[in-house]
PDB file of N, CA and C in Angstrom:
ATOM      1  N   UNK A   1       4.447  15.707   3.029  1.00  0.00           N
ATOM      2  CA  UNK A   1       4.448  13.942   2.175  1.00  0.00           C
ATOM      3  C   UNK A   1       5.644  14.965   0.640  1.00  0.00           C
ATOM      4  N   UNK A   2       6.293  13.750   0.972  1.00  0.00           N
ATOM      5  CA  UNK A   2       7.263  13.425  -0.763  1.00  0.00           C
ATOM      6  C   UNK A   2       7.206  12.196  -1.250  1.00  0.00           C
ATOM      7  N   UNK A   3       6.597  11.215  -1.282  1.00  0.00           N
ATOM      8  CA  UNK A   3       6.401  10.280  -1.403  1.00  0.00           C
ATOM      9  C   UNK A   3       5.280   9.823  -0.757  1.00  0.00           C
ATOM     10  N   UNK A   4       4.542   8.595  -0.602  1.00  0.00           N
ATOM     11  CA  UNK A   4       4.050   7.215  -0.430  1.00  0.00           C
ATOM     12  C   UNK A   4       4.921   5.708  -0.585  1.00  0.00           C
ATOM     13  N   UNK A   5       3.527   4.557   0.166  1.00  0.00           N
ATOM     14  CA  UNK A   5       4.537   3.171  -0.332  1.00  0.00           C
ATOM     15  C   UNK A   5       3.178   2.372  -0.956  1.00  0.00           C
ATOM     16  N   UNK A   6       4.193   1.265  -1.330  1.00  0.00           N
ATOM     17  CA  UNK A   6       3.659   0.131  -2.209  1.00  0.00           C
ATOM     18  C   UNK A   6       3.226  -0.924  -1.347  1.00  0.00           C
ATOM     19  N   UNK A   7       2.477  -1.112  -0.955  1.00  0.00           N
ATOM     20  CA  UNK A   7       2.115  -2.978  -0.329  1.00  0.00           C
ATOM     21  C   UNK A   7       1.767  -3.124  -0.671  1.00  0.00           C
ATOM     22  N   UNK A   8       2.407  -4.577  -0.521  1.00  0.00           N
ATOM     23  CA  UNK A   8       1.674  -6.535  -0.680  1.00  0.00           C
ATOM     24  C   UNK A   8       1.347  -7.323   0.874  1.00  0.00           C
ATOM     25  N   UNK A   9       0.146  -7.327  -0.674  1.00  0.00           N
ATOM     26  CA  UNK A   9      -0.534  -8.160   0.346  1.00  0.00           C
ATOM     27  C   UNK A   9      -0.864  -9.824  -0.124  1.00  0.00           C
ATOM     28  N   UNK A  10      -0.177 -11.019   0.967  1.00  0.00           N
ATOM     29  CA  UNK A  10      -0.727 -11.674  -0.018  1.00  0.00           C
ATOM     30  C   UNK A  10      -0.962 -12.496   1.406  1.00  0.00           C
ATOM     31  N   UNK A  11      -2.318 -13.595   0.820  1.00  0.00           N
ATOM     32  CA  UNK A  11      -2.204 -15.482   1.419  1.00  0.00           C
ATOM     33  C   UNK A  11      -1.848 -16.067   1.988  1.00  0.00           C
ATOM     34  N   UNK A  12      -1.018 -16.985   0.510  1.00  0.00           N
ATOM     35  CA  UNK A  12      -0.007 -17.717   0.721  1.00  0.00           C
ATOM     36  C   UNK A  12       0.247 -17.833  -0.776  1.00  0.00           C
ATOM     37  N   UNK A  13       2.056 -18.510  -0.681  1.00  0.00           N
ATOM     38  CA  UNK A  13       3.259 -18.070  -1.688  1.00  0.00           C
ATOM     39  C   UNK A  13       1.787 -18.912  -2.502  1.00  0.00           C
ATOM     40  N   UNK A  14       1.250 -19.764  -2.600  1.00  0.00           N
ATOM     41  CA  UNK A  14       0.360 -20.591  -4.271  1.00  0.00           C
ATOM     42  C   UNK A  14      -0.109 -19.011  -4.426  1.00  0.00           C
ATOM     43  N   UNK A  15      -1.047 -18.324  -3.965  1.00  0.00           N
ATOM     44  CA  UNK A  15      -2.114 -18.075  -4.112  1.00  0.00           C
ATOM     45  C   UNK A  15      -1.339 -16.668  -4.914  1.00  0.00           C
ATOM     46  N   UNK A  16      -1.898 -15.565  -5.614  1.00  0.00           N
ATOM     47  CA  UNK A  16      -2.319 -14.274  -6.242  1.00  0.00           C
ATOM     48  C   UNK A  16      -1.933 -13.307  -4.517  1.00  0.00           C
ATOM     49  N   UNK A  17      -1.510 -11.925  -5.002  1.00  0.00           N
ATOM     50  CA  UNK A  17      -1.204 -10.860  -4.330  1.00  0.00           C
ATOM     51  C   UNK A  17      -2.106 -10.114  -4.364  1.00  0.00           C
ATOM     52  N   UNK A  18      -2.268  -8.878  -3.373  1.00  0.00           N
ATOM     53  CA  UNK A  18      -2.924  -7.373  -4.591  1.00  0.00           C
ATOM     54  C   UNK A  18      -2.237  -6.794  -3.596  1.00  0.00           C
ATOM     55  N   UNK A  19      -1.763  -5.216  -4.236  1.00  0.00           N
ATOM     56  CA  UNK A  19      -1.186  -4.371  -4.254  1.00  0.00           C
ATOM     57  C   UNK A  19      -1.206  -2.673  -4.343  1.00  0.00           C
ATOM     58  N   UNK A  20      -1.491  -2.503  -2.959  1.00  0.00           N
ATOM     59  CA  UNK A  20      -2.282  -1.176  -3.219  1.00  0.00           C
ATOM     60  C   UNK A  20      -1.236  -0.375  -2.698  1.00  0.00           C
ATOM     61  N   UNK A  21      -1.669   1.206  -3.030  1.00  0.00           N
ATOM     62  CA  UNK A  21      -0.662   2.740  -2.582  1.00  0.00           C
ATOM     63  C   UNK A  21      -1.372   3.421  -2.087  1.00  0.00           C
ATOM     64  N   UNK A  22      -0.573   3.069  -0.406  1.00  0.00           N
ATOM     65  CA  UNK A  22      -0.376   3.975  -0.192  1.00  0.00           C
ATOM     66  C   UNK A  22       0.313   5.706   0.602  1.00  0.00           C
ATOM     67  N   UNK A  23      -0.130   6.557   0.527  1.00  0.00           N
ATOM     68  CA  UNK A  23      -0.053   8.146   0.620  1.00  0.00           C
ATOM     69  C   UNK A  23       0.533   7.940   2.416  1.00  0.00           C
ATOM     70  N   UNK A  24       0.961   7.335   2.102  1.00  0.00           N
ATOM     71  CA  UNK A  24       2.153   7.811   3.821  1.00  0.00           C
ATOM     72  C   UNK A  24       3.327   7.479   3.535  1.00  0.00           C
ATOM     73  N   UNK A  25       4.250   8.190   4.362  1.00  0.00           N
ATOM     74  CA  UNK A  25       5.637   8.172   3.666  1.00  0.00           C
ATOM     75  C   UNK A  25       6.810   6.674   5.155  1.00  0.00           C
ATOM     76  N   UNK A  26       5.871   6.726   5.669  1.00  0.00           N
ATOM     77  CA  UNK A  26       6.135   5.668   7.112  1.00  0.00           C
ATOM     78  C   UNK A  26       5.484   3.828   6.638  1.00  0.00           C
ATOM     79  N   UNK A  27       6.937   3.584   5.892  1.00  0.00           N
ATOM     80  CA  UNK A  27       6.524   1.827   5.688  1.00  0.00           C
ATOM     81  C   UNK A  27       5.676   1.524   7.292  1.00  0.00           C
ATOM     82  N   UNK A  28       6.114   1.687   8.174  1.00  0.00           N
ATOM     83  CA  UNK A  28       5.377   1.058   9.216  1.00  0.00           C
ATOM     84  C   UNK A  28       3.547   1.999   9.565  1.00  0.00           C
ATOM     85  N   UNK A  29       3.392   2.683   9.456  1.00  0.00           N
ATOM     86  CA  UNK A  29       2.496   3.317   9.574  1.00  0.00           C
ATOM     87  C   UNK A  29       1.376   2.684   8.474  1.00  0.00           C
ATOM     88  N   UNK A  30       2.163   2.999   6.656  1.00  0.00           N
ATOM     89  CA  UNK A  30       0.829   2.330   5.707  1.00  0.00           C
ATOM     90  C   UNK A  30       0.964   0.644   5.818  1.00  0.00           C
ATOM     91  N   UNK A  31       1.082  -0.218   6.655  1.00  0.00           N
ATOM     92  CA  UNK A  31       1.634  -1.175   6.609  1.00  0.00           C
ATOM     93  C   UNK A  31       0.536  -1.215   7.661  1.00  0.00           C
ATOM     94  N   UNK A  32       0.343  -0.333   8.339  1.00  0.00           N
ATOM     95  CA  UNK A  32      -1.152  -0.657   9.647  1.00  0.00           C
ATOM     96  C   UNK A  32      -2.153  -0.650   9.218  1.00  0.00           C
ATOM     97  N   UNK A  33      -1.813   0.189   7.812  1.00  0.00           N
ATOM     98  CA  UNK A  33      -3.276   0.987   7.256  1.00  0.00           C
ATOM     99  C   UNK A  33      -3.916  -0.077   7.135  1.00  0.00           C
ATOM    100  N   UNK A  34      -3.176  -0.544   6.310  1.00  0.00           N
ATOM    101  CA  UNK A  34      -3.758  -2.055   5.632  1.00  0.00           C
ATOM    102  C   UNK A  34      -3.974  -2.931   6.117  1.00  0.00           C
ATOM    103  N   UNK A  35      -3.268  -3.647   7.117  1.00  0.00           N
ATOM    104  CA  UNK A  35      -3.312  -4.617   8.000  1.00  0.00           C
ATOM    105  C   UNK A  35      -5.294  -4.270   8.107  1.00  0.00           C
ATOM    106  N   UNK A  36      -5.499  -2.350   8.703  1.00  0.00           N
ATOM    107  CA  UNK A  36      -6.659  -2.209   9.034  1.00  0.00           C
ATOM    108  C   UNK A  36      -7.747  -2.467   9.094  1.00  0.00           C
ATOM    109  N   UNK A  37      -7.911  -2.127   7.233  1.00  0.00           N
ATOM    110  CA  UNK A  37      -8.302  -2.437   6.431  1.00  0.00           C
ATOM    111  C   UNK A  37      -8.763  -5.116   6.284  1.00  0.00           C
ATOM    112  N   UNK A  38      -7.918  -5.576   5.508  1.00  0.00           N
ATOM    113  CA  UNK A  38      -8.458  -6.433   5.701  1.00  0.00           C
ATOM    114  C   UNK A  38      -8.122  -6.903   6.441  1.00  0.00           C
ATOM    115  N   UNK A  39      -7.044  -7.198   7.766  1.00  0.00           N
ATOM    116  CA  UNK A  39      -7.549  -7.714   8.213  1.00  0.00           C
ATOM    117  C   UNK A  39      -5.808  -8.751   8.262  1.00  0.00           C
ATOM    118  N   UNK A  40      -6.224 -10.173   9.160  1.00  0.00           N
ATOM    119  CA  UNK A  40      -5.049 -10.818   9.850  1.00  0.00           C
ATOM    120  C   UNK A  40      -3.765 -11.944   7.982  1.00  0.00           C
ATOM    121  N   UNK A  41      -4.749 -10.984   7.367  1.00  0.00           N
ATOM    122  CA  UNK A  41      -3.613 -11.572   6.175  1.00  0.00           C
ATOM    123  C   UNK A  41      -2.205 -12.249   6.524  1.00  0.00           C
ATOM    124  N   UNK A  42      -1.697 -13.059   6.166  1.00  0.00           N
ATOM    125  CA  UNK A  42       0.022 -13.597   6.963  1.00  0.00           C
ATOM    126  C   UNK A  42       0.653 -12.599   6.918  1.00  0.00           C
ATOM    127  N   UNK A  43       0.931 -12.469   5.078  1.00  0.00           N
ATOM    128  CA  UNK A  43       1.539 -11.239   4.793  1.00  0.00           C
ATOM    129  C   UNK A  43       1.241  -9.793   4.220  1.00  0.00           C
ATOM    130  N   UNK A  44       2.335  -9.028   4.505  1.00  0.00           N
ATOM    131  CA  UNK A  44       1.310  -7.945   4.682  1.00  0.00           C
ATOM    132  C   UNK A  44       2.814  -7.164   4.697  1.00  0.00           C
ATOM    133  N   UNK A  45       3.351  -5.939   3.587  1.00  0.00           N
ATOM    134  CA  UNK A  45       4.673  -5.822   3.536  1.00  0.00           C
ATOM    135  C   UNK A  45       5.339  -4.344   2.838  1.00  0.00           C
ATOM    136  N   UNK A  46       5.223  -3.684   2.727  1.00  0.00           N
ATOM    137  CA  UNK A  46       6.289  -2.330   1.438  1.00  0.00           C
ATOM    138  C   UNK A  46       7.190  -3.009   0.709  1.00  0.00           C
ATOM    139  N   UNK A  47       6.623  -2.618  -0.047  1.00  0.00           N
ATOM    140  CA  UNK A  47       7.913  -2.960  -0.741  1.00  0.00           C
ATOM    141  C   UNK A  47       8.183  -2.398  -2.228  1.00  0.00           C
ATOM    142  N   UNK A  48       7.867  -0.715  -0.900  1.00  0.00           N
ATOM    143  CA  UNK A  48       9.222  -0.062  -1.869  1.00  0.00           C
ATOM    144  C   UNK A  48       7.678   1.133  -1.695  1.00  0.00           C
ATOM    145  N   UNK A  49       8.826   1.899  -2.746  1.00  0.00           N
ATOM    146  CA  UNK A  49       8.154   4.594  -2.103  1.00  0.00           C
ATOM    147  C   UNK A  49       7.670   3.878  -4.008  1.00  0.00           C
ATOM    148  N   UNK A  50       6.482   5.296  -3.698  1.00  0.00           N
ATOM    149  CA  UNK A  50       5.446   5.340  -4.382  1.00  0.00           C
ATOM    150  C   UNK A  50       5.768   6.890  -4.702  1.00  0.00           C
ATOM    151  N   UNK A  51       5.759   7.307  -5.739  1.00  0.00           N
ATOM    152  CA  UNK A  51       6.708   8.821  -5.792  1.00  0.00           C
ATOM    153  C   UNK A  51       5.213  10.148  -6.076  1.00  0.00           C
ATOM    154  N   UNK A  52       6.208  11.105  -5.515  1.00  0.00           N
ATOM    155  CA  UNK A  52       4.452  11.924  -5.472  1.00  0.00           C
ATOM    156  C   UNK A  52       3.726  12.587  -6.549  1.00  0.00           C
ATOM    157  N   UNK A  53       4.613  11.599  -7.488  1.00  0.00           N
ATOM    158  CA  UNK A  53       3.432  11.828  -8.751  1.00  0.00           C
ATOM    159  C   UNK A  53       2.837  10.886  -8.652  1.00  0.00           C
ATOM    160  N   UNK A  54       3.094  10.264  -8.611  1.00  0.00           N
ATOM    161  CA  UNK A  54       2.182   8.985  -8.858  1.00  0.00           C
ATOM    162  C   UNK A  54       0.789   9.416  -7.862  1.00  0.00           C
ATOM    163  N   UNK A  55       1.190   9.222  -6.138  1.00  0.00           N
ATOM    164  CA  UNK A  55       0.223   9.390  -6.024  1.00  0.00           C
ATOM    165  C   UNK A  55      -0.465  11.060  -6.419  1.00  0.00           C
ATOM    166  N   UNK A  56      -0.180  11.965  -7.327  1.00  0.00           N
ATOM    167  CA  UNK A  56      -1.109  13.521  -7.534  1.00  0.00           C
ATOM    168  C   UNK A  56      -2.015  12.286  -8.588  1.00  0.00           C
ATOM    169  N   UNK A  57      -1.176  12.201  -9.451  1.00  0.00           N
ATOM    170  CA  UNK A  57      -1.597  11.478 -10.228  1.00  0.00           C
ATOM    171  C   UNK A  57      -2.797  10.100 -10.221  1.00  0.00           C
ATOM    172  N   UNK A  58      -3.223   9.465  -9.038  1.00  0.00           N
ATOM    173  CA  UNK A  58      -4.746   9.008  -9.473  1.00  0.00           C
ATOM    174  C   UNK A  58      -4.655   9.841  -8.102  1.00  0.00           C
ATOM    175  N   UNK A  59      -4.733  10.840  -7.467  1.00  0.00           N
ATOM    176  CA  UNK A  59      -5.544  11.261  -6.829  1.00  0.00           C
ATOM    177  C   UNK A  59      -5.130  11.791  -5.321  1.00  0.00           C
ATOM    178  N   UNK A  60      -4.193  10.298  -4.960  1.00  0.00           N
ATOM    179  CA  UNK A  60      -4.342  10.903  -3.135  1.00  0.00           C
ATOM    180  C   UNK A  60      -3.996  11.231  -2.511  1.00  0.00           C
ATOM    181  N   UNK A  61      -4.312  12.127  -1.871  1.00  0.00           N
ATOM    182  CA  UNK A  61      -3.575  12.780  -0.521  1.00  0.00           C
ATOM    183  C   UNK A  61      -3.397  11.780   0.804  1.00  0.00           C
ATOM    184  N   UNK A  62      -2.591  12.359   1.722  1.00  0.00           N
ATOM    185  CA  UNK A  62      -2.290  12.387   2.863  1.00  0.00           C
ATOM    186  C   UNK A  62      -2.973  11.430   3.753  1.00  0.00           C
ATOM    187  N   UNK A  63      -2.678   9.720   3.533  1.00  0.00           N
ATOM    188  CA  UNK A  63      -3.257   9.071   4.772  1.00  0.00           C
ATOM    189  C   UNK A  63      -4.355   8.077   4.271  1.00  0.00           C
ATOM    190  N   UNK A  64      -4.482   9.105   2.774  1.00  0.00           N
ATOM    191  CA  UNK A  64      -6.003   7.818   1.321  1.00  0.00           C
ATOM    192  C   UNK A  64      -4.694   6.614   0.926  1.00  0.00           C
ATOM    193  N   UNK A  65      -5.359   5.949   1.100  1.00  0.00           N
ATOM    194  CA  UNK A  65      -4.524   4.153   0.009  1.00  0.00           C
ATOM    195  C   UNK A  65      -5.567   3.900  -0.900  1.00  0.00           C
ATOM    196  N   UNK A  66      -4.921   2.880  -1.937  1.00  0.00           N
ATOM    197  CA  UNK A  66      -5.943   2.770  -3.431  1.00  0.00           C
ATOM    198  C   UNK A  66      -5.633   1.271  -4.175  1.00  0.00           C
ATOM    199  N   UNK A  67      -6.525  -0.130  -4.397  1.00  0.00           N
ATOM    200  CA  UNK A  67      -6.113  -1.117  -4.526  1.00  0.00           C
ATOM    201  C   UNK A  67      -5.387  -0.754  -6.006  1.00  0.00           C
ATOM    202  N   UNK A  68      -4.274  -1.187  -6.553  1.00  0.00           N
ATOM    203  CA  UNK A  68      -3.759  -1.043  -7.499  1.00  0.00           C
ATOM    204  C   UNK A  68      -4.508  -2.024  -8.779  1.00  0.00           C
ATOM    205  N   UNK A  69      -4.775  -1.711  -9.296  1.00  0.00           N
ATOM    206  CA  UNK A  69      -5.649  -2.162 -10.825  1.00  0.00           C
ATOM    207  C   UNK A  69      -4.803  -2.869 -11.195  1.00  0.00           C
ATOM    208  N   UNK A  70      -4.641  -4.007 -12.041  1.00  0.00           N
ATOM    209  CA  UNK A  70      -3.944  -4.927 -13.354  1.00  0.00           C
ATOM    210  C   UNK A  70      -4.370  -4.745 -14.133  1.00  0.00           C
TER     211      UNK A  70
END
């Protein structure tokens, strides 16, 4: 694995959003993993890559994910 994905979940434009770091290179798979976790949220999207350094720093292995805390 060379990088992961940053996935954002929002219920509506008026409300805030949640962000997940996913140790999966493929954006479609990363989004599917988060959809399986949270259910039918109106909007789930991959908004960019997460570097391998970030994944290692937060202790994620391939196929794992974590919610990014603010």
